[in-house]
N, C-alpha and C. Protein backbone atom coordinates (compact mmCIF):
# COMPACT_ATOMS: atom_id res chain seq x y z
N UNK A 1 16.46 10.00 -8.62
CA UNK A 1 15.01 10.04 -8.31
C UNK A 1 14.59 8.70 -8.30
N UNK A 2 13.50 8.46 -7.20
CA UNK A 2 12.93 7.24 -6.96
C UNK A 2 12.03 6.87 -7.97
N UNK A 3 12.24 5.44 -8.32
CA UNK A 3 11.08 4.89 -9.24
C UNK A 3 9.82 4.73 -8.52
N UNK A 4 8.69 4.94 -9.26
CA UNK A 4 7.59 4.83 -8.92
C UNK A 4 7.18 3.17 -8.58
N UNK A 5 6.64 2.75 -7.49
CA UNK A 5 6.13 1.37 -7.35
C UNK A 5 4.86 1.07 -8.10
N UNK A 6 4.67 -0.04 -8.60
CA UNK A 6 3.35 -0.42 -9.47
C UNK A 6 2.33 -0.39 -8.30
N UNK A 7 1.17 -0.16 -8.98
CA UNK A 7 -0.08 -0.52 -8.36
C UNK A 7 -0.41 -1.89 -7.77
N UNK A 8 -0.53 -2.06 -6.41
CA UNK A 8 -0.64 -3.27 -5.73
C UNK A 8 0.64 -3.63 -5.26
N UNK A 9 1.72 -3.02 -5.31
CA UNK A 9 2.99 -3.13 -4.61
C UNK A 9 2.71 -2.82 -3.00
N UNK A 10 3.24 -3.70 -2.17
CA UNK A 10 3.36 -3.47 -0.83
C UNK A 10 4.52 -2.60 -0.52
N UNK A 11 4.20 -1.58 0.47
CA UNK A 11 5.21 -0.72 0.94
C UNK A 11 4.86 -0.25 2.48
N UNK A 12 6.22 -0.06 2.83
CA UNK A 12 6.16 0.28 4.42
C UNK A 12 6.47 2.04 4.49
N UNK A 13 5.72 2.43 5.38
CA UNK A 13 5.98 3.79 5.72
C UNK A 13 7.26 4.04 6.48
N UNK A 14 8.05 5.06 6.02
CA UNK A 14 9.41 5.30 6.72
C UNK A 14 9.34 6.60 7.46
N UNK A 15 8.21 7.45 7.42
CA UNK A 15 8.05 8.74 7.90
C UNK A 15 6.58 9.08 8.19
N UNK A 16 6.49 9.96 9.03
CA UNK A 16 4.99 10.49 9.55
C UNK A 16 4.47 9.71 10.66
N UNK A 17 3.32 10.00 11.11
CA UNK A 17 2.64 9.21 12.06
C UNK A 17 2.47 7.75 11.87
N UNK A 18 2.34 7.43 10.74
CA UNK A 18 2.07 5.96 10.32
C UNK A 18 3.30 5.29 10.00
N UNK A 19 4.43 5.84 10.48
CA UNK A 19 5.83 4.95 10.22
C UNK A 19 5.73 3.54 10.70
N UNK A 20 6.25 2.76 9.90
CA UNK A 20 6.22 1.24 10.29
C UNK A 20 5.02 0.57 9.84
N UNK A 21 3.97 1.19 9.27
CA UNK A 21 2.94 0.67 9.03
C UNK A 21 2.93 0.21 7.50
N UNK A 22 2.42 -0.88 7.10
CA UNK A 22 2.40 -1.36 5.70
C UNK A 22 1.13 -0.96 4.95
N UNK A 23 1.23 -0.74 3.68
CA UNK A 23 0.19 -0.21 2.89
C UNK A 23 0.48 -0.84 1.42
N UNK A 24 -0.54 -0.64 0.63
CA UNK A 24 -0.64 -1.28 -0.66
C UNK A 24 -0.57 0.17 -1.56
N UNK A 25 0.07 0.14 -2.78
CA UNK A 25 -0.02 1.31 -3.63
C UNK A 25 -1.38 1.19 -4.48
N UNK A 26 -2.17 2.38 -4.22
CA UNK A 26 -3.32 2.08 -5.05
C UNK A 26 -3.36 3.01 -6.37
N UNK A 27 -2.51 4.00 -6.46
CA UNK A 27 -2.48 4.81 -7.62
C UNK A 27 -1.08 5.80 -7.66
N UNK A 28 -1.00 6.50 -8.68
CA UNK A 28 0.21 7.41 -8.85
C UNK A 28 -0.37 8.79 -9.00
N UNK A 29 0.04 9.85 -8.43
CA UNK A 29 -0.49 11.20 -8.42
C UNK A 29 0.62 11.98 -9.54
N UNK A 30 1.85 11.92 -9.23
CA UNK A 30 2.63 12.73 -10.02
C UNK A 30 4.15 11.74 -9.91
N UNK A 31 5.32 12.38 -10.30
CA UNK A 31 6.31 11.70 -10.29
C UNK A 31 7.01 11.36 -9.09
N UNK A 32 6.34 11.84 -7.92
CA UNK A 32 6.90 11.71 -6.63
C UNK A 32 5.94 11.26 -5.35
N UNK A 33 4.71 11.26 -6.08
CA UNK A 33 3.74 10.89 -4.93
C UNK A 33 2.77 9.67 -5.41
N UNK A 34 2.56 8.76 -4.56
CA UNK A 34 1.53 7.73 -4.66
C UNK A 34 0.37 7.79 -3.73
N UNK A 35 -0.64 7.13 -3.92
CA UNK A 35 -1.92 6.73 -2.99
C UNK A 35 -1.72 5.48 -2.36
N UNK A 36 -1.83 5.65 -1.11
CA UNK A 36 -1.58 4.13 -0.33
C UNK A 36 -2.85 3.80 0.46
N UNK A 37 -3.14 2.67 0.64
CA UNK A 37 -4.37 2.33 1.54
C UNK A 37 -3.92 0.85 2.25
N UNK A 38 -4.50 0.76 3.16
CA UNK A 38 -4.24 -0.51 4.17
C UNK A 38 -5.61 -1.27 4.53
N UNK A 39 -6.80 -0.68 4.20
CA UNK A 39 -8.05 -1.36 4.30
C UNK A 39 -8.56 -1.22 5.84
N UNK A 40 -7.65 -0.74 6.82
CA UNK A 40 -7.88 -0.48 8.07
C UNK A 40 -8.12 1.17 8.56
N UNK A 41 -6.82 1.59 8.74
CA UNK A 41 -6.78 2.91 9.06
C UNK A 41 -6.88 3.81 7.66
N UNK A 42 -6.26 3.62 6.67
CA UNK A 42 -6.43 4.23 5.25
C UNK A 42 -7.38 3.37 4.50
N UNK A 43 -8.57 3.77 4.42
CA UNK A 43 -9.52 2.93 3.41
C UNK A 43 -9.49 3.48 2.19
N UNK A 44 -10.18 2.70 1.23
CA UNK A 44 -10.18 3.12 -0.16
C UNK A 44 -10.93 4.45 -0.39
N UNK A 45 -11.94 4.87 0.37
CA UNK A 45 -12.61 6.02 0.29
C UNK A 45 -11.59 7.26 0.75
N UNK A 46 -10.66 7.05 1.38
CA UNK A 46 -9.58 8.07 1.84
C UNK A 46 -8.18 7.56 1.77
N UNK A 47 -7.62 7.43 0.49
CA UNK A 47 -6.19 6.96 0.53
C UNK A 47 -5.33 8.07 0.92
N UNK A 48 -4.12 7.61 1.50
CA UNK A 48 -3.19 8.54 2.08
C UNK A 48 -2.11 8.90 0.94
N UNK A 49 -2.14 10.14 0.75
CA UNK A 49 -0.99 10.72 -0.42
C UNK A 49 0.43 10.68 0.44
N UNK A 50 1.32 9.74 -0.21
CA UNK A 50 2.86 9.61 0.32
C UNK A 50 3.85 9.98 -0.76
N UNK A 51 4.84 10.64 -0.34
CA UNK A 51 6.15 10.87 -1.22
C UNK A 51 6.68 9.42 -1.29
N UNK A 52 7.31 9.00 -2.30
CA UNK A 52 7.90 7.75 -2.62
C UNK A 52 9.21 7.56 -1.69
N UNK A 53 9.91 8.74 -1.62
CA UNK A 53 11.10 8.83 -0.87
C UNK A 53 10.86 8.53 0.71
N UNK A 54 9.63 8.47 1.16
CA UNK A 54 9.07 8.29 2.50
C UNK A 54 8.58 6.74 2.71
N UNK A 55 8.71 6.14 1.56
CA UNK A 55 8.48 4.48 1.64
C UNK A 55 9.37 3.62 1.20
N UNK A 56 9.35 2.51 2.09
CA UNK A 56 10.19 1.36 1.67
C UNK A 56 9.43 0.38 0.79
N UNK A 57 9.86 0.11 -0.25
CA UNK A 57 9.20 -0.73 -1.33
C UNK A 57 9.54 -2.11 -0.91
N UNK A 58 8.56 -2.84 -0.91
CA UNK A 58 8.76 -4.36 -0.54
C UNK A 58 8.71 -5.26 -1.79
N UNK A 59 9.23 -6.39 -1.89
CA UNK A 59 9.25 -7.17 -3.08
C UNK A 59 8.05 -8.06 -3.22
N UNK A 60 6.83 -7.55 -2.76
CA UNK A 60 5.59 -8.25 -3.03
C UNK A 60 4.60 -7.30 -3.62
N UNK A 61 4.00 -7.95 -4.76
CA UNK A 61 2.86 -7.15 -5.32
C UNK A 61 1.60 -8.08 -5.15
N UNK A 62 0.44 -7.48 -4.72
CA UNK A 62 -0.85 -8.12 -4.57
C UNK A 62 -1.53 -8.45 -6.03
N UNK A 63 -1.11 -9.32 -6.63
CA UNK A 63 -1.49 -9.41 -7.92
C UNK A 63 -3.08 -9.48 -8.20
N UNK A 64 -3.83 -10.14 -7.51
CA UNK A 64 -5.30 -10.22 -7.77
C UNK A 64 -5.88 -8.83 -7.66
N UNK A 65 -5.39 -7.91 -6.38
CA UNK A 65 -6.07 -6.67 -6.43
C UNK A 65 -5.58 -5.75 -7.53
N UNK A 66 -4.21 -5.91 -7.79
CA UNK A 66 -3.82 -5.19 -9.02
C UNK A 66 -4.47 -5.28 -10.25
N UNK A 67 -4.77 -6.75 -10.50
CA UNK A 67 -5.72 -7.01 -11.76
C UNK A 67 -7.21 -6.35 -11.67
N UNK A 68 -7.65 -6.34 -10.52
CA UNK A 68 -8.99 -5.87 -10.27
C UNK A 68 -9.04 -4.19 -10.58
N UNK A 69 -7.93 -3.53 -10.00
CA UNK A 69 -7.69 -2.04 -10.01
C UNK A 69 -7.69 -1.71 -11.47
N UNK A 70 -6.72 -2.41 -12.26
CA UNK A 70 -6.35 -2.15 -13.77
C UNK A 70 -7.57 -2.24 -14.48
N UNK A 71 -8.49 -3.26 -14.17
CA UNK A 71 -9.54 -3.59 -15.03
C UNK A 71 -10.67 -2.99 -14.71
N UNK A 72 -10.51 -2.10 -13.64
CA UNK A 72 -11.85 -1.26 -13.17
C UNK A 72 -12.88 -1.98 -12.60
N UNK A 73 -12.43 -3.09 -11.87
CA UNK A 73 -13.60 -3.84 -10.96
C UNK A 73 -13.52 -3.37 -9.67
N UNK A 74 -14.53 -3.67 -8.89
CA UNK A 74 -14.59 -3.23 -7.56
C UNK A 74 -13.65 -3.99 -6.58
N UNK A 75 -12.95 -3.18 -5.92
CA UNK A 75 -12.33 -3.73 -4.80
C UNK A 75 -12.75 -3.35 -3.38
N UNK A 76 -12.49 -4.16 -2.50
CA UNK A 76 -13.14 -3.91 -1.09
C UNK A 76 -12.12 -3.73 -0.03
N UNK A 77 -12.12 -2.91 0.99
CA UNK A 77 -11.27 -3.03 2.01
C UNK A 77 -10.73 -4.15 2.72
N UNK A 78 -11.93 -5.13 2.81
CA UNK A 78 -11.60 -6.27 3.38
C UNK A 78 -10.65 -7.13 2.38
N UNK A 79 -10.67 -7.19 1.40
CA UNK A 79 -9.84 -7.87 0.42
C UNK A 79 -8.51 -7.25 0.57
N UNK A 80 -8.24 -5.97 0.81
CA UNK A 80 -6.91 -5.54 0.90
C UNK A 80 -6.21 -5.98 2.18
N UNK A 81 -7.13 -5.89 3.23
CA UNK A 81 -6.62 -6.27 4.71
C UNK A 81 -6.28 -7.92 4.50
N UNK A 82 -7.07 -8.56 3.97
CA UNK A 82 -6.89 -9.90 3.80
C UNK A 82 -5.56 -10.43 3.09
N UNK A 83 -5.49 -9.64 1.91
CA UNK A 83 -4.27 -10.13 1.11
C UNK A 83 -3.01 -9.51 1.76
N UNK A 84 -3.01 -8.35 2.44
CA UNK A 84 -1.75 -7.96 3.16
C UNK A 84 -1.43 -8.96 4.31
N UNK A 85 -2.47 -9.36 4.93
CA UNK A 85 -2.08 -10.40 6.04
C UNK A 85 -1.67 -11.68 5.45
N UNK A 86 -2.10 -12.05 4.31
CA UNK A 86 -1.64 -13.59 3.62
C UNK A 86 -0.17 -13.26 3.20
N UNK A 87 0.19 -12.11 2.74
CA UNK A 87 1.54 -11.70 2.30
C UNK A 87 2.24 -11.63 3.61
N UNK A 88 1.91 -11.55 4.83
CA UNK A 88 2.85 -11.47 6.07
C UNK A 88 3.13 -9.95 6.40
N UNK A 89 2.27 -9.17 5.83
CA UNK A 89 2.40 -7.68 6.25
C UNK A 89 1.06 -7.09 6.81
N UNK A 90 0.50 -7.95 7.82
CA UNK A 90 -0.59 -7.44 8.51
C UNK A 90 -0.31 -6.50 9.73
N UNK A 91 -1.16 -5.97 10.36
CA UNK A 91 -0.96 -5.01 11.69
C UNK A 91 0.28 -5.49 12.61
N UNK A 92 0.08 -6.73 12.96
CA UNK A 92 1.09 -7.23 13.88
C UNK A 92 2.75 -7.13 13.30
N UNK A 93 2.76 -7.19 11.83
CA UNK A 93 3.98 -7.21 11.40
C UNK A 93 4.52 -5.88 11.37
N UNK A 94 3.93 -4.76 11.53
CA UNK A 94 4.45 -3.50 11.65
C UNK A 94 5.27 -3.28 12.79
N UNK A 95 4.85 -3.75 13.97
CA UNK A 95 5.75 -3.65 15.10
C UNK A 95 6.94 -4.29 15.05
N UNK A 96 6.92 -5.53 14.28
CA UNK A 96 8.23 -6.31 14.30
C UNK A 96 9.32 -5.67 13.42
N UNK A 97 8.95 -5.09 12.27
CA UNK A 97 9.83 -4.72 11.48
C UNK A 97 10.12 -3.07 11.52
N UNK A 98 9.43 -2.44 12.22
CA UNK A 98 9.58 -0.93 12.41
C UNK A 98 10.86 -0.46 12.82
């Protein structure tokens, strides 16, 4: 059984029409599913439910955003986009590593 990635962890989709895209884990639904967002296609108001087995977990955690989510502070889509790009997982990176 796959271990759930922590909130704020960068993941890459391995299956579905969004395969190859990078997302951030927003929350956990159950033992097999997480909610993911990227601030572009999947915004905070409509996160994507994904099975963990369909995700490739990257060794990067967006700590500032993770801290805000855990503390219940407001997070914006632009912050998520910006942090993903700073970490090297922006929209252009999807094409290179897919």
